[in-house]
């Protein structure tokens, strides 16, 4: 069973910054990876993705504010979130990029990010 564990979420004021991390039980160096977010009133949204060569892309809603990255061990990835907005409030999950892999890995627990005054 592949395990993905997200961490680093919390309560942040609008305009603030936060970094969330993802640890994998398998090497993810050669997977196209992504960060997703989910709220009760919205469908799951892919917000950031990174390819093995390191090419990144972002949804329009977070472009210019979020940065996705990998560490050099091939076991973790991060999402740096700047200038956070209330609409960024969601549970954030990591997984493979569903646009480039035939099957998602098992979902982790996610990490809650709340942007509020």
PDB file of N, CA and C in Angstrom:
ATOM      1  N   UNK A   1       0.840  -1.185   0.000  1.00  0.00           N
ATOM      2  CA  UNK A   1       0.000   0.000   0.000  1.00  0.00           C
ATOM      3  C   UNK A   1       0.882   1.245   0.000  1.00  0.00           C
ATOM      4  N   UNK A   2       0.702   2.074  -0.996  1.00  0.00           N
ATOM      5  CA  UNK A   2       1.418   3.341  -1.065  1.00  0.00           C
ATOM      6  C   UNK A   2       0.751   4.316  -0.106  1.00  0.00           C
ATOM      7  N   UNK A   3       1.567   5.010   0.675  1.00  0.00           N
ATOM      8  CA  UNK A   3       1.047   6.000   1.614  1.00  0.00           C
ATOM      9  C   UNK A   3       1.575   7.384   1.277  1.00  0.00           C
ATOM     10  N   UNK A   4       0.663   8.337   1.248  1.00  0.00           N
ATOM     11  CA  UNK A   4       0.990   9.739   1.084  1.00  0.00           C
ATOM     12  C   UNK A   4       0.545  10.470   2.335  1.00  0.00           C
ATOM     13  N   UNK A   5       1.427  11.250   2.921  1.00  0.00           N
ATOM     14  CA  UNK A   5       1.138  11.947   4.160  1.00  0.00           C
ATOM     15  C   UNK A   5       1.392  13.430   3.977  1.00  0.00           C
ATOM     16  N   UNK A   6       0.324  14.216   4.095  1.00  0.00           N
ATOM     17  CA  UNK A   6       0.421  15.663   3.985  1.00  0.00           C
ATOM     18  C   UNK A   6       0.541  16.286   5.372  1.00  0.00           C
ATOM     19  N   UNK A   7       1.258  17.393   5.462  1.00  0.00           N
ATOM     20  CA  UNK A   7       1.424  18.072   6.737  1.00  0.00           C
ATOM     21  C   UNK A   7       1.706  19.549   6.504  1.00  0.00           C
ATOM     22  N   UNK A   8       1.621  20.321   7.567  1.00  0.00           N
ATOM     23  CA  UNK A   8       1.995  21.724   7.525  1.00  0.00           C
ATOM     24  C   UNK A   8       0.852  22.707   7.443  1.00  0.00           C
ATOM     25  N   UNK A   9      -0.379  22.225   7.344  1.00  0.00           N
ATOM     26  CA  UNK A   9      -1.511  23.127   7.272  1.00  0.00           C
ATOM     27  C   UNK A   9      -1.752  23.848   8.579  1.00  0.00           C
ATOM     28  N   UNK A  10      -2.649  24.832   8.529  1.00  0.00           N
ATOM     29  CA  UNK A  10      -2.967  25.591   9.718  1.00  0.00           C
ATOM     30  C   UNK A  10      -3.833  26.785   9.404  1.00  0.00           C
ATOM     31  N   UNK A  11      -3.961  27.662  10.388  1.00  0.00           N
ATOM     32  CA  UNK A  11      -4.754  28.882  10.265  1.00  0.00           C
ATOM     33  C   UNK A  11      -3.844  30.042   9.894  1.00  0.00           C
ATOM     34  N   UNK A  12      -4.201  30.748   8.827  1.00  0.00           N
ATOM     35  CA  UNK A  12      -3.403  31.863   8.325  1.00  0.00           C
ATOM     36  C   UNK A  12      -4.323  33.039   8.021  1.00  0.00           C
ATOM     37  N   UNK A  13      -3.859  34.248   8.295  1.00  0.00           N
ATOM     38  CA  UNK A  13      -4.624  35.438   7.951  1.00  0.00           C
ATOM     39  C   UNK A  13      -4.531  35.721   6.456  1.00  0.00           C
ATOM     40  N   UNK A  14      -5.557  36.359   5.877  1.00  0.00           N
ATOM     41  CA  UNK A  14      -5.466  36.741   4.469  1.00  0.00           C
ATOM     42  C   UNK A  14      -4.201  37.541   4.195  1.00  0.00           C
ATOM     43  N   UNK A  15      -3.534  37.212   3.093  1.00  0.00           N
ATOM     44  CA  UNK A  15      -2.279  37.848   2.747  1.00  0.00           C
ATOM     45  C   UNK A  15      -1.062  37.156   3.313  1.00  0.00           C
ATOM     46  N   UNK A  16      -1.272  36.202   4.190  1.00  0.00           N
ATOM     47  CA  UNK A  16      -0.179  35.479   4.802  1.00  0.00           C
ATOM     48  C   UNK A  16       0.359  34.362   3.931  1.00  0.00           C
ATOM     49  N   UNK A  17       1.337  33.639   4.470  1.00  0.00           N
ATOM     50  CA  UNK A  17       1.998  32.560   3.745  1.00  0.00           C
ATOM     51  C   UNK A  17       2.021  31.287   4.569  1.00  0.00           C
ATOM     52  N   UNK A  18       2.091  30.169   3.871  1.00  0.00           N
ATOM     53  CA  UNK A  18       2.149  28.868   4.519  1.00  0.00           C
ATOM     54  C   UNK A  18       2.762  27.876   3.540  1.00  0.00           C
ATOM     55  N   UNK A  19       3.503  26.908   4.062  1.00  0.00           N
ATOM     56  CA  UNK A  19       4.067  25.847   3.243  1.00  0.00           C
ATOM     57  C   UNK A  19       3.554  24.504   3.731  1.00  0.00           C
ATOM     58  N   UNK A  20       3.020  23.703   2.821  1.00  0.00           N
ATOM     59  CA  UNK A  20       2.578  22.360   3.149  1.00  0.00           C
ATOM     60  C   UNK A  20       3.503  21.353   2.475  1.00  0.00           C
ATOM     61  N   UNK A  21       3.640  20.179   3.097  1.00  0.00           N
ATOM     62  CA  UNK A  21       4.566  19.168   2.615  1.00  0.00           C
ATOM     63  C   UNK A  21       3.861  17.840   2.397  1.00  0.00           C
ATOM     64  N   UNK A  22       4.450  17.006   1.551  1.00  0.00           N
ATOM     65  CA  UNK A  22       3.937  15.682   1.238  1.00  0.00           C
ATOM     66  C   UNK A  22       5.080  14.686   1.312  1.00  0.00           C
ATOM     67  N   UNK A  23       4.900  13.646   2.116  1.00  0.00           N
ATOM     68  CA  UNK A  23       5.877  12.566   2.215  1.00  0.00           C
ATOM     69  C   UNK A  23       5.274  11.291   1.649  1.00  0.00           C
ATOM     70  N   UNK A  24       6.044  10.570   0.854  1.00  0.00           N
ATOM     71  CA  UNK A  24       5.574   9.361   0.202  1.00  0.00           C
ATOM     72  C   UNK A  24       6.330   8.139   0.708  1.00  0.00           C
ATOM     73  N   UNK A  25       5.630   7.016   0.805  1.00  0.00           N
ATOM     74  CA  UNK A  25       6.264   5.764   1.207  1.00  0.00           C
ATOM     75  C   UNK A  25       7.053   5.119   0.068  1.00  0.00           C
ATOM     76  N   UNK A  26       6.872   5.626  -1.147  1.00  0.00           N
ATOM     77  CA  UNK A  26       7.648   5.177  -2.285  1.00  0.00           C
ATOM     78  C   UNK A  26       8.341   6.369  -2.911  1.00  0.00           C
ATOM     79  N   UNK A  27       9.367   6.096  -3.704  1.00  0.00           N
ATOM     80  CA  UNK A  27      10.030   7.172  -4.406  1.00  0.00           C
ATOM     81  C   UNK A  27       9.111   7.775  -5.450  1.00  0.00           C
ATOM     82  N   UNK A  28       9.045   9.088  -5.472  1.00  0.00           N
ATOM     83  CA  UNK A  28       8.187   9.782  -6.429  1.00  0.00           C
ATOM     84  C   UNK A  28       9.004  10.635  -7.386  1.00  0.00           C
ATOM     85  N   UNK A  29      10.312  10.369  -7.431  1.00  0.00           N
ATOM     86  CA  UNK A  29      11.202  11.158  -8.270  1.00  0.00           C
ATOM     87  C   UNK A  29      10.785  11.132  -9.729  1.00  0.00           C
ATOM     88  N   UNK A  30      10.282   9.988 -10.208  1.00  0.00           N
ATOM     89  CA  UNK A  30       9.970   9.821 -11.622  1.00  0.00           C
ATOM     90  C   UNK A  30       8.479   9.853 -11.930  1.00  0.00           C
ATOM     91  N   UNK A  31       7.688  10.333 -11.011  1.00  0.00           N
ATOM     92  CA  UNK A  31       6.266  10.566 -11.245  1.00  0.00           C
ATOM     93  C   UNK A  31       6.021  12.037 -11.520  1.00  0.00           C
ATOM     94  N   UNK A  32       5.054  12.302 -12.372  1.00  0.00           N
ATOM     95  CA  UNK A  32       4.498  13.642 -12.448  1.00  0.00           C
ATOM     96  C   UNK A  32       3.569  13.802 -11.251  1.00  0.00           C
ATOM     97  N   UNK A  33       3.870  14.760 -10.392  1.00  0.00           N
ATOM     98  CA  UNK A  33       3.136  14.922  -9.138  1.00  0.00           C
ATOM     99  C   UNK A  33       2.312  16.199  -9.148  1.00  0.00           C
ATOM    100  N   UNK A  34       1.369  16.264  -8.214  1.00  0.00           N
ATOM    101  CA  UNK A  34       0.487  17.414  -8.157  1.00  0.00           C
ATOM    102  C   UNK A  34      -0.047  17.638  -6.756  1.00  0.00           C
ATOM    103  N   UNK A  35      -0.464  18.859  -6.501  1.00  0.00           N
ATOM    104  CA  UNK A  35      -1.231  19.215  -5.319  1.00  0.00           C
ATOM    105  C   UNK A  35      -2.673  19.469  -5.735  1.00  0.00           C
ATOM    106  N   UNK A  36      -3.600  18.945  -4.942  1.00  0.00           N
ATOM    107  CA  UNK A  36      -5.027  19.131  -5.142  1.00  0.00           C
ATOM    108  C   UNK A  36      -5.622  19.763  -3.894  1.00  0.00           C
ATOM    109  N   UNK A  37      -6.794  20.367  -4.044  1.00  0.00           N
ATOM    110  CA  UNK A  37      -7.510  20.845  -2.870  1.00  0.00           C
ATOM    111  C   UNK A  37      -8.994  20.535  -3.006  1.00  0.00           C
ATOM    112  N   UNK A  38      -9.642  20.397  -1.847  1.00  0.00           N
ATOM    113  CA  UNK A  38     -11.032  19.978  -1.804  1.00  0.00           C
ATOM    114  C   UNK A  38     -11.778  20.745  -0.725  1.00  0.00           C
ATOM    115  N   UNK A  39     -12.954  21.264  -1.079  1.00  0.00           N
ATOM    116  CA  UNK A  39     -13.868  21.861  -0.118  1.00  0.00           C
ATOM    117  C   UNK A  39     -15.214  21.168  -0.249  1.00  0.00           C
ATOM    118  N   UNK A  40     -16.057  21.237   0.797  1.00  0.00           N
ATOM    119  CA  UNK A  40     -17.350  20.546   0.723  1.00  0.00           C
ATOM    120  C   UNK A  40     -18.245  21.021  -0.409  1.00  0.00           C
ATOM    121  N   UNK A  41     -18.121  22.292  -0.810  1.00  0.00           N
ATOM    122  CA  UNK A  41     -19.014  22.855  -1.812  1.00  0.00           C
ATOM    123  C   UNK A  41     -18.399  22.932  -3.207  1.00  0.00           C
ATOM    124  N   UNK A  42     -17.206  22.366  -3.387  1.00  0.00           N
ATOM    125  CA  UNK A  42     -16.551  22.399  -4.685  1.00  0.00           C
ATOM    126  C   UNK A  42     -15.977  21.026  -5.023  1.00  0.00           C
ATOM    127  N   UNK A  43     -15.838  20.763  -6.324  1.00  0.00           N
ATOM    128  CA  UNK A  43     -15.168  19.555  -6.760  1.00  0.00           C
ATOM    129  C   UNK A  43     -13.671  19.686  -6.538  1.00  0.00           C
ATOM    130  N   UNK A  44     -12.997  18.536  -6.451  1.00  0.00           N
ATOM    131  CA  UNK A  44     -11.563  18.542  -6.275  1.00  0.00           C
ATOM    132  C   UNK A  44     -10.893  19.327  -7.394  1.00  0.00           C
ATOM    133  N   UNK A  45      -9.930  20.152  -7.027  1.00  0.00           N
ATOM    134  CA  UNK A  45      -9.238  21.017  -7.968  1.00  0.00           C
ATOM    135  C   UNK A  45      -7.743  20.734  -7.955  1.00  0.00           C
ATOM    136  N   UNK A  46      -7.166  20.507  -9.128  1.00  0.00           N
ATOM    137  CA  UNK A  46      -5.717  20.410  -9.260  1.00  0.00           C
ATOM    138  C   UNK A  46      -5.163  21.825  -9.322  1.00  0.00           C
ATOM    139  N   UNK A  47      -4.305  22.184  -8.369  1.00  0.00           N
ATOM    140  CA  UNK A  47      -3.832  23.560  -8.296  1.00  0.00           C
ATOM    141  C   UNK A  47      -2.389  23.733  -8.747  1.00  0.00           C
ATOM    142  N   UNK A  48      -1.572  22.675  -8.664  1.00  0.00           N
ATOM    143  CA  UNK A  48      -0.167  22.789  -9.048  1.00  0.00           C
ATOM    144  C   UNK A  48       0.369  21.432  -9.424  1.00  0.00           C
ATOM    145  N   UNK A  49       1.267  21.380 -10.407  1.00  0.00           N
ATOM    146  CA  UNK A  49       1.844  20.122 -10.862  1.00  0.00           C
ATOM    147  C   UNK A  49       3.304  20.310 -11.215  1.00  0.00           C
ATOM    148  N   UNK A  50       4.065  19.210 -11.117  1.00  0.00           N
ATOM    149  CA  UNK A  50       5.484  19.242 -11.450  1.00  0.00           C
ATOM    150  C   UNK A  50       5.867  17.936 -12.130  1.00  0.00           C
ATOM    151  N   UNK A  51       6.617  18.030 -13.222  1.00  0.00           N
ATOM    152  CA  UNK A  51       7.070  16.866 -13.967  1.00  0.00           C
ATOM    153  C   UNK A  51       8.433  16.418 -13.448  1.00  0.00           C
ATOM    154  N   UNK A  52       8.876  15.182 -13.771  1.00  0.00           N
ATOM    155  CA  UNK A  52      10.220  14.741 -13.342  1.00  0.00           C
ATOM    156  C   UNK A  52      11.337  15.693 -13.743  1.00  0.00           C
ATOM    157  N   UNK A  53      11.286  16.283 -14.951  1.00  0.00           N
ATOM    158  CA  UNK A  53      12.336  17.255 -15.259  1.00  0.00           C
ATOM    159  C   UNK A  53      12.232  18.559 -14.478  1.00  0.00           C
ATOM    160  N   UNK A  54      11.116  18.757 -13.754  1.00  0.00           N
ATOM    161  CA  UNK A  54      10.968  19.947 -12.943  1.00  0.00           C
ATOM    162  C   UNK A  54      10.096  21.035 -13.539  1.00  0.00           C
ATOM    163  N   UNK A  55       9.464  20.755 -14.660  1.00  0.00           N
ATOM    164  CA  UNK A  55       8.550  21.726 -15.247  1.00  0.00           C
ATOM    165  C   UNK A  55       7.289  21.829 -14.401  1.00  0.00           C
ATOM    166  N   UNK A  56       6.843  23.047 -14.148  1.00  0.00           N
ATOM    167  CA  UNK A  56       5.681  23.270 -13.298  1.00  0.00           C
ATOM    168  C   UNK A  56       4.567  23.969 -14.048  1.00  0.00           C
ATOM    169  N   UNK A  57       3.342  23.772 -13.572  1.00  0.00           N
ATOM    170  CA  UNK A  57       2.216  24.545 -14.063  1.00  0.00           C
ATOM    171  C   UNK A  57       1.191  24.682 -12.946  1.00  0.00           C
ATOM    172  N   UNK A  58       0.341  25.699 -13.062  1.00  0.00           N
ATOM    173  CA  UNK A  58      -0.561  26.065 -11.994  1.00  0.00           C
ATOM    174  C   UNK A  58      -1.934  26.409 -12.542  1.00  0.00           C
ATOM    175  N   UNK A  59      -2.939  26.224 -11.710  1.00  0.00           N
ATOM    176  CA  UNK A  59      -4.263  26.679 -12.072  1.00  0.00           C
ATOM    177  C   UNK A  59      -4.291  28.202 -12.049  1.00  0.00           C
ATOM    178  N   UNK A  60      -5.212  28.774 -12.800  1.00  0.00           N
ATOM    179  CA  UNK A  60      -5.311  30.232 -12.852  1.00  0.00           C
ATOM    180  C   UNK A  60      -5.580  30.830 -11.474  1.00  0.00           C
ATOM    181  N   UNK A  61      -6.262  30.088 -10.622  1.00  0.00           N
ATOM    182  CA  UNK A  61      -6.642  30.610  -9.325  1.00  0.00           C
ATOM    183  C   UNK A  61      -5.455  30.803  -8.381  1.00  0.00           C
ATOM    184  N   UNK A  62      -4.336  30.102  -8.619  1.00  0.00           N
ATOM    185  CA  UNK A  62      -3.185  30.202  -7.721  1.00  0.00           C
ATOM    186  C   UNK A  62      -1.923  30.677  -8.416  1.00  0.00           C
ATOM    187  N   UNK A  63      -1.953  30.815  -9.720  1.00  0.00           N
ATOM    188  CA  UNK A  63      -0.767  31.207 -10.477  1.00  0.00           C
ATOM    189  C   UNK A  63      -0.215  32.533  -9.972  1.00  0.00           C
ATOM    190  N   UNK A  64       1.101  32.558  -9.761  1.00  0.00           N
ATOM    191  CA  UNK A  64       1.754  33.753  -9.255  1.00  0.00           C
ATOM    192  C   UNK A  64       1.811  33.826  -7.748  1.00  0.00           C
ATOM    193  N   UNK A  65       1.081  32.950  -7.056  1.00  0.00           N
ATOM    194  CA  UNK A  65       1.056  32.958  -5.600  1.00  0.00           C
ATOM    195  C   UNK A  65       1.612  31.673  -4.992  1.00  0.00           C
ATOM    196  N   UNK A  66       1.438  30.545  -5.674  1.00  0.00           N
ATOM    197  CA  UNK A  66       1.872  29.237  -5.165  1.00  0.00           C
ATOM    198  C   UNK A  66       3.073  28.738  -5.946  1.00  0.00           C
ATOM    199  N   UNK A  67       3.943  27.967  -5.273  1.00  0.00           N
ATOM    200  CA  UNK A  67       5.097  27.359  -5.910  1.00  0.00           C
ATOM    201  C   UNK A  67       5.225  25.908  -5.468  1.00  0.00           C
ATOM    202  N   UNK A  68       5.248  24.990  -6.428  1.00  0.00           N
ATOM    203  CA  UNK A  68       5.411  23.572  -6.139  1.00  0.00           C
ATOM    204  C   UNK A  68       6.875  23.189  -6.323  1.00  0.00           C
ATOM    205  N   UNK A  69       7.371  22.280  -5.485  1.00  0.00           N
ATOM    206  CA  UNK A  69       8.760  21.857  -5.588  1.00  0.00           C
ATOM    207  C   UNK A  69       8.944  20.451  -5.036  1.00  0.00           C
ATOM    208  N   UNK A  70      10.066  19.831  -5.388  1.00  0.00           N
ATOM    209  CA  UNK A  70      10.473  18.528  -4.852  1.00  0.00           C
ATOM    210  C   UNK A  70      11.755  18.699  -4.047  1.00  0.00           C
ATOM    211  N   UNK A  71      12.027  17.770  -3.145  1.00  0.00           N
ATOM    212  CA  UNK A  71      13.331  17.753  -2.505  1.00  0.00           C
ATOM    213  C   UNK A  71      14.245  16.823  -3.294  1.00  0.00           C
ATOM    214  N   UNK A  72      15.540  16.844  -2.979  1.00  0.00           N
ATOM    215  CA  UNK A  72      16.502  16.076  -3.765  1.00  0.00           C
ATOM    216  C   UNK A  72      16.584  14.604  -3.376  1.00  0.00           C
ATOM    217  N   UNK A  73      15.806  14.178  -2.379  1.00  0.00           N
ATOM    218  CA  UNK A  73      15.778  12.766  -1.992  1.00  0.00           C
ATOM    219  C   UNK A  73      14.786  11.966  -2.822  1.00  0.00           C
ATOM    220  N   UNK A  74      13.838  12.631  -3.453  1.00  0.00           N
ATOM    221  CA  UNK A  74      12.809  11.958  -4.227  1.00  0.00           C
ATOM    222  C   UNK A  74      11.671  11.410  -3.399  1.00  0.00           C
ATOM    223  N   UNK A  75      11.610  11.794  -2.118  1.00  0.00           N
ATOM    224  CA  UNK A  75      10.589  11.264  -1.223  1.00  0.00           C
ATOM    225  C   UNK A  75       9.557  12.289  -0.780  1.00  0.00           C
ATOM    226  N   UNK A  76       9.842  13.558  -0.977  1.00  0.00           N
ATOM    227  CA  UNK A  76       8.935  14.593  -0.502  1.00  0.00           C
ATOM    228  C   UNK A  76       8.736  15.675  -1.552  1.00  0.00           C
ATOM    229  N   UNK A  77       7.654  16.408  -1.389  1.00  0.00           N
ATOM    230  CA  UNK A  77       7.370  17.564  -2.213  1.00  0.00           C
ATOM    231  C   UNK A  77       6.661  18.598  -1.353  1.00  0.00           C
ATOM    232  N   UNK A  78       6.671  19.836  -1.812  1.00  0.00           N
ATOM    233  CA  UNK A  78       6.107  20.924  -1.025  1.00  0.00           C
ATOM    234  C   UNK A  78       5.289  21.858  -1.899  1.00  0.00           C
ATOM    235  N   UNK A  79       4.457  22.642  -1.236  1.00  0.00           N
ATOM    236  CA  UNK A  79       3.703  23.695  -1.891  1.00  0.00           C
ATOM    237  C   UNK A  79       3.827  24.947  -1.040  1.00  0.00           C
ATOM    238  N   UNK A  80       4.548  25.930  -1.549  1.00  0.00           N
ATOM    239  CA  UNK A  80       4.675  27.210  -0.882  1.00  0.00           C
ATOM    240  C   UNK A  80       3.519  28.094  -1.327  1.00  0.00           C
ATOM    241  N   UNK A  81       2.730  28.572  -0.377  1.00  0.00           N
ATOM    242  CA  UNK A  81       1.551  29.365  -0.663  1.00  0.00           C
ATOM    243  C   UNK A  81       1.736  30.764  -0.099  1.00  0.00           C
ATOM    244  N   UNK A  82       1.725  31.755  -0.975  1.00  0.00           N
ATOM    245  CA  UNK A  82       1.885  33.144  -0.584  1.00  0.00           C
ATOM    246  C   UNK A  82       0.632  33.941  -0.919  1.00  0.00           C
ATOM    247  N   UNK A  83       0.485  35.086  -0.262  1.00  0.00           N
ATOM    248  CA  UNK A  83      -0.664  35.962  -0.487  1.00  0.00           C
ATOM    249  C   UNK A  83      -1.965  35.179  -0.448  1.00  0.00           C
ATOM    250  N   UNK A  84      -2.140  34.431   0.613  1.00  0.00           N
ATOM    251  CA  UNK A  84      -3.301  33.557   0.731  1.00  0.00           C
ATOM    252  C   UNK A  84      -4.598  34.347   0.826  1.00  0.00           C
ATOM    253  N   UNK A  85      -5.643  33.765   0.241  1.00  0.00           N
ATOM    254  CA  UNK A  85      -6.965  34.365   0.210  1.00  0.00           C
ATOM    255  C   UNK A  85      -7.966  33.440   0.888  1.00  0.00           C
ATOM    256  N   UNK A  86      -9.076  33.981   1.395  1.00  0.00           N
ATOM    257  CA  UNK A  86     -10.076  33.111   2.032  1.00  0.00           C
ATOM    258  C   UNK A  86     -10.535  31.969   1.132  1.00  0.00           C
ATOM    259  N   UNK A  87     -10.611  32.204  -0.163  1.00  0.00           N
ATOM    260  CA  UNK A  87     -11.044  31.162  -1.078  1.00  0.00           C
ATOM    261  C   UNK A  87     -10.020  30.042  -1.255  1.00  0.00           C
ATOM    262  N   UNK A  88      -8.820  30.215  -0.698  1.00  0.00           N
ATOM    263  CA  UNK A  88      -7.829  29.142  -0.686  1.00  0.00           C
ATOM    264  C   UNK A  88      -8.098  28.127   0.420  1.00  0.00           C
ATOM    265  N   UNK A  89      -9.025  28.440   1.310  1.00  0.00           N
ATOM    266  CA  UNK A  89      -9.361  27.530   2.399  1.00  0.00           C
ATOM    267  C   UNK A  89      -9.838  26.197   1.836  1.00  0.00           C
ATOM    268  N   UNK A  90      -9.182  25.114   2.237  1.00  0.00           N
ATOM    269  CA  UNK A  90      -9.497  23.787   1.720  1.00  0.00           C
ATOM    270  C   UNK A  90      -8.621  22.763   2.420  1.00  0.00           C
ATOM    271  N   UNK A  91      -8.924  21.496   2.183  1.00  0.00           N
ATOM    272  CA  UNK A  91      -8.019  20.425   2.547  1.00  0.00           C
ATOM    273  C   UNK A  91      -7.114  20.175   1.348  1.00  0.00           C
ATOM    274  N   UNK A  92      -5.816  20.204   1.568  1.00  0.00           N
ATOM    275  CA  UNK A  92      -4.845  20.053   0.497  1.00  0.00           C
ATOM    276  C   UNK A  92      -4.280  18.637   0.489  1.00  0.00           C
ATOM    277  N   UNK A  93      -4.252  18.033  -0.689  1.00  0.00           N
ATOM    278  CA  UNK A  93      -3.794  16.665  -0.881  1.00  0.00           C
ATOM    279  C   UNK A  93      -2.708  16.617  -1.953  1.00  0.00           C
ATOM    280  N   UNK A  94      -1.804  15.655  -1.839  1.00  0.00           N
ATOM    281  CA  UNK A  94      -0.853  15.389  -2.901  1.00  0.00           C
ATOM    282  C   UNK A  94      -1.176  14.057  -3.557  1.00  0.00           C
ATOM    283  N   UNK A  95      -0.805  13.922  -4.814  1.00  0.00           N
ATOM    284  CA  UNK A  95      -0.986  12.686  -5.549  1.00  0.00           C
ATOM    285  C   UNK A  95      -0.265  12.832  -6.882  1.00  0.00           C
ATOM    286  N   UNK A  96      -0.325  11.781  -7.686  1.00  0.00           N
ATOM    287  CA  UNK A  96       0.230  11.901  -9.027  1.00  0.00           C
ATOM    288  C   UNK A  96      -0.650  12.832  -9.845  1.00  0.00           C
ATOM    289  N   UNK A  97      -0.083  13.371 -10.898  1.00  0.00           N
ATOM    290  CA  UNK A  97      -0.825  14.227 -11.810  1.00  0.00           C
ATOM    291  C   UNK A  97      -1.779  13.350 -12.616  1.00  0.00           C
ATOM    292  N   UNK A  98      -3.075  13.479 -12.378  1.00  0.00           N
ATOM    293  CA  UNK A  98      -4.056  12.612 -13.016  1.00  0.00           C
ATOM    294  C   UNK A  98      -4.147  12.830 -14.516  1.00  0.00           C
ATOM    295  N   UNK A  99      -3.584  13.914 -14.995  1.00  0.00           N
ATOM    296  CA  UNK A  99      -3.560  14.170 -16.430  1.00  0.00           C
ATOM    297  C   UNK A  99      -2.485  13.364 -17.142  1.00  0.00           C
ATOM    298  N   UNK A 100      -1.530  12.809 -16.378  1.00  0.00           N
ATOM    299  CA  UNK A 100      -0.383  12.135 -16.977  1.00  0.00           C
ATOM    300  C   UNK A 100      -0.196  10.700 -16.502  1.00  0.00           C
ATOM    301  N   UNK A 101      -1.013  10.239 -15.569  1.00  0.00           N
ATOM    302  CA  UNK A 101      -0.955   8.863 -15.095  1.00  0.00           C
ATOM    303  C   UNK A 101      -2.335   8.242 -15.178  1.00  0.00           C
ATOM    304  N   UNK A 102      -2.366   6.940 -15.484  1.00  0.00           N
ATOM    305  CA  UNK A 102      -3.644   6.269 -15.685  1.00  0.00           C
ATOM    306  C   UNK A 102      -4.402   6.048 -14.389  1.00  0.00           C
ATOM    307  N   UNK A 103      -3.699   6.040 -13.264  1.00  0.00           N
ATOM    308  CA  UNK A 103      -4.341   5.751 -11.991  1.00  0.00           C
ATOM    309  C   UNK A 103      -3.724   6.590 -10.879  1.00  0.00           C
ATOM    310  N   UNK A 104      -4.578   7.135 -10.033  1.00  0.00           N
ATOM    311  CA  UNK A 104      -4.115   7.866  -8.861  1.00  0.00           C
ATOM    312  C   UNK A 104      -3.606   6.899  -7.800  1.00  0.00           C
ATOM    313  N   UNK A 105      -2.703   7.361  -6.965  1.00  0.00           N
ATOM    314  CA  UNK A 105      -2.328   6.627  -5.777  1.00  0.00           C
ATOM    315  C   UNK A 105      -3.432   6.772  -4.731  1.00  0.00           C
ATOM    316  N   UNK A 106      -3.366   5.968  -3.682  1.00  0.00           N
ATOM    317  CA  UNK A 106      -4.333   6.108  -2.602  1.00  0.00           C
ATOM    318  C   UNK A 106      -4.190   7.483  -1.952  1.00  0.00           C
ATOM    319  N   UNK A 107      -5.333   8.114  -1.693  1.00  0.00           N
ATOM    320  CA  UNK A 107      -5.309   9.448  -1.094  1.00  0.00           C
ATOM    321  C   UNK A 107      -4.860   9.402   0.359  1.00  0.00           C
ATOM    322  N   UNK A 108      -4.091  10.401   0.755  1.00  0.00           N
ATOM    323  CA  UNK A 108      -3.735  10.556   2.152  1.00  0.00           C
ATOM    324  C   UNK A 108      -4.833  11.264   2.916  1.00  0.00           C
ATOM    325  N   UNK A 109      -4.535  11.658   4.152  1.00  0.00           N
ATOM    326  CA  UNK A 109      -5.520  12.338   4.988  1.00  0.00           C
ATOM    327  C   UNK A 109      -5.708  13.800   4.597  1.00  0.00           C
ATOM    328  N   UNK A 110      -4.734  14.356   3.896  1.00  0.00           N
ATOM    329  CA  UNK A 110      -4.781  15.764   3.559  1.00  0.00           C
ATOM    330  C   UNK A 110      -4.388  16.630   4.745  1.00  0.00           C
ATOM    331  N   UNK A 111      -4.175  17.909   4.476  1.00  0.00           N
ATOM    332  CA  UNK A 111      -3.874  18.848   5.542  1.00  0.00           C
ATOM    333  C   UNK A 111      -4.741  20.091   5.358  1.00  0.00           C
ATOM    334  N   UNK A 112      -5.386  20.514   6.439  1.00  0.00           N
ATOM    335  CA  UNK A 112      -6.343  21.622   6.385  1.00  0.00           C
ATOM    336  C   UNK A 112      -5.629  22.960   6.379  1.00  0.00           C
ATOM    337  N   UNK A 113      -5.963  23.779   5.408  1.00  0.00           N
ATOM    338  CA  UNK A 113      -5.491  25.160   5.344  1.00  0.00           C
ATOM    339  C   UNK A 113      -6.699  26.071   5.471  1.00  0.00           C
ATOM    340  N   UNK A 114      -6.690  26.924   6.477  1.00  0.00           N
ATOM    341  CA  UNK A 114      -7.790  27.851   6.712  1.00  0.00           C
ATOM    342  C   UNK A 114      -7.258  29.271   6.653  1.00  0.00           C
ATOM    343  N   UNK A 115      -7.819  30.068   5.762  1.00  0.00           N
ATOM    344  CA  UNK A 115      -7.412  31.465   5.596  1.00  0.00           C
ATOM    345  C   UNK A 115      -8.552  32.337   6.099  1.00  0.00           C
ATOM    346  N   UNK A 116      -8.335  32.988   7.223  1.00  0.00           N
ATOM    347  CA  UNK A 116      -9.394  33.760   7.864  1.00  0.00           C
ATOM    348  C   UNK A 116      -8.803  34.772   8.823  1.00  0.00           C
ATOM    349  N   UNK A 117      -9.537  35.877   9.017  1.00  0.00           N
ATOM    350  CA  UNK A 117      -9.157  36.864  10.010  1.00  0.00           C
ATOM    351  C   UNK A 117      -9.659  36.482  11.386  1.00  0.00           C
TER     352      UNK A 117
END
